[in-house]
């Protein structure tokens, strides 16, 4: 096999290299950097909110039934304050974790 023979892996490597090079040239424009930074900020915010909702849901799975057993009837009480506080605190603290990962 000589060097001019095109194999599947050579073609794929060539294709990936050239398109990645074009992508890097595209990212070099200031407007593209702005758009990408906005996009990643939105993704970060969505991730933080998702983690907060997940933490609130896990807290609610344990706190609401425990409050129902303690009272003996269904009612809305202080356990919902704990659920909301858990969500807000998780969103706030996930910002610090994401900053450390950057």
Protein backbone atom coordinates (compact mmCIF):
# COMPACT_ATOMS: atom_id res chain seq x y z
CA UNK A 1 0.00 0.00 0.00
CA UNK A 2 1.50 3.34 -0.97
CA UNK A 3 1.02 6.73 0.71
CA UNK A 4 -1.49 7.91 -1.88
CA UNK A 5 -4.00 5.17 -1.08
CA UNK A 6 -7.09 6.58 0.63
CA UNK A 7 -8.38 4.37 3.38
CA UNK A 8 -11.47 4.91 5.45
CA UNK A 9 -9.50 6.00 8.52
CA UNK A 10 -7.33 8.40 6.49
CA UNK A 11 -10.43 9.96 4.97
CA UNK A 12 -12.13 10.33 8.36
CA UNK A 13 -9.00 11.86 9.94
CA UNK A 14 -8.62 14.27 7.02
CA UNK A 15 -12.31 15.21 7.19
CA UNK A 16 -12.24 15.80 10.95
CA UNK A 17 -8.99 17.79 10.82
CA UNK A 18 -10.16 20.10 8.03
CA UNK A 19 -13.59 20.72 9.53
CA UNK A 20 -12.17 21.30 12.99
CA UNK A 21 -9.69 23.77 11.50
CA UNK A 22 -12.58 25.58 9.80
CA UNK A 23 -14.46 25.61 13.12
CA UNK A 24 -11.48 27.13 14.91
CA UNK A 25 -11.19 29.79 12.19
CA UNK A 26 -14.92 30.47 12.63
CA UNK A 27 -14.55 30.83 16.41
CA UNK A 28 -11.81 33.38 15.94
CA UNK A 29 -14.34 36.09 14.96
CA UNK A 30 -15.37 38.41 17.84
CA UNK A 31 -19.10 38.04 17.16
CA UNK A 32 -18.79 34.26 17.25
CA UNK A 33 -16.94 34.44 20.56
CA UNK A 34 -19.73 36.65 21.91
CA UNK A 35 -22.45 34.29 20.71
CA UNK A 36 -20.64 31.25 22.12
CA UNK A 37 -20.06 32.95 25.48
CA UNK A 38 -23.77 33.85 25.70
CA UNK A 39 -24.73 30.30 24.73
CA UNK A 40 -22.47 28.76 27.37
CA UNK A 41 -23.76 31.18 30.01
CA UNK A 42 -27.35 30.16 29.19
CA UNK A 43 -26.37 26.48 29.41
CA UNK A 44 -24.72 27.15 32.77
CA UNK A 45 -27.86 28.85 34.12
CA UNK A 46 -30.09 26.02 32.87
CA UNK A 47 -27.75 23.49 34.51
CA UNK A 48 -27.84 25.34 37.83
CA UNK A 49 -31.65 25.51 37.78
CA UNK A 50 -31.88 21.83 36.89
CA UNK A 51 -29.62 20.89 39.81
CA UNK A 52 -31.73 23.08 42.13
CA UNK A 53 -34.96 21.44 40.98
CA UNK A 54 -33.42 18.01 41.39
CA UNK A 55 -32.27 18.79 44.94
CA UNK A 56 -35.72 20.19 45.79
CA UNK A 57 -37.43 17.08 44.41
CA UNK A 58 -35.20 14.77 46.42
CA UNK A 59 -35.83 16.82 49.56
CA UNK A 60 -39.59 16.79 48.90
CA UNK A 61 -39.62 13.01 48.52
CA UNK A 62 -38.49 12.65 52.12
CA UNK A 63 -39.79 15.73 53.91
CA UNK A 64 -43.44 15.82 52.76
CA UNK A 65 -44.28 12.22 53.77
CA UNK A 66 -42.45 12.69 57.08
CA UNK A 67 -44.50 15.82 57.83
CA UNK A 68 -47.70 13.99 56.90
CA UNK A 69 -46.86 11.15 59.30
CA UNK A 70 -45.95 13.62 62.05
CA UNK A 71 -49.20 15.58 61.72
CA UNK A 72 -51.48 12.70 60.88
CA UNK A 73 -53.13 14.60 58.01
CA UNK A 74 -52.25 16.40 54.76
CA UNK A 75 -51.44 20.07 55.09
CA UNK A 76 -49.09 22.70 53.74
CA UNK A 77 -46.57 23.81 56.30
CA UNK A 78 -42.97 24.61 56.96
CA UNK A 79 -41.67 21.65 54.98
CA UNK A 80 -42.31 23.57 51.76
CA UNK A 81 -40.12 26.40 53.04
CA UNK A 82 -37.36 23.84 53.53
CA UNK A 83 -37.87 22.50 49.98
CA UNK A 84 -37.69 25.98 48.43
CA UNK A 85 -34.66 26.91 50.56
CA UNK A 86 -32.90 23.71 49.47
CA UNK A 87 -33.45 24.57 45.81
CA UNK A 88 -32.25 28.16 46.17
CA UNK A 89 -29.20 27.16 48.22
CA UNK A 90 -28.29 24.46 45.71
CA UNK A 91 -28.48 26.89 42.80
CA UNK A 92 -26.34 29.37 44.72
CA UNK A 93 -23.71 26.81 45.75
CA UNK A 94 -23.56 25.18 42.32
CA UNK A 95 -22.21 28.49 41.02
CA UNK A 96 -19.15 28.08 43.25
CA UNK A 97 -18.63 24.51 42.10
CA UNK A 98 -18.87 25.49 38.44
CA UNK A 99 -16.37 28.31 38.99
CA UNK A 100 -13.89 25.84 40.47
CA UNK A 101 -14.34 23.55 37.45
CA UNK A 102 -13.57 26.31 34.94
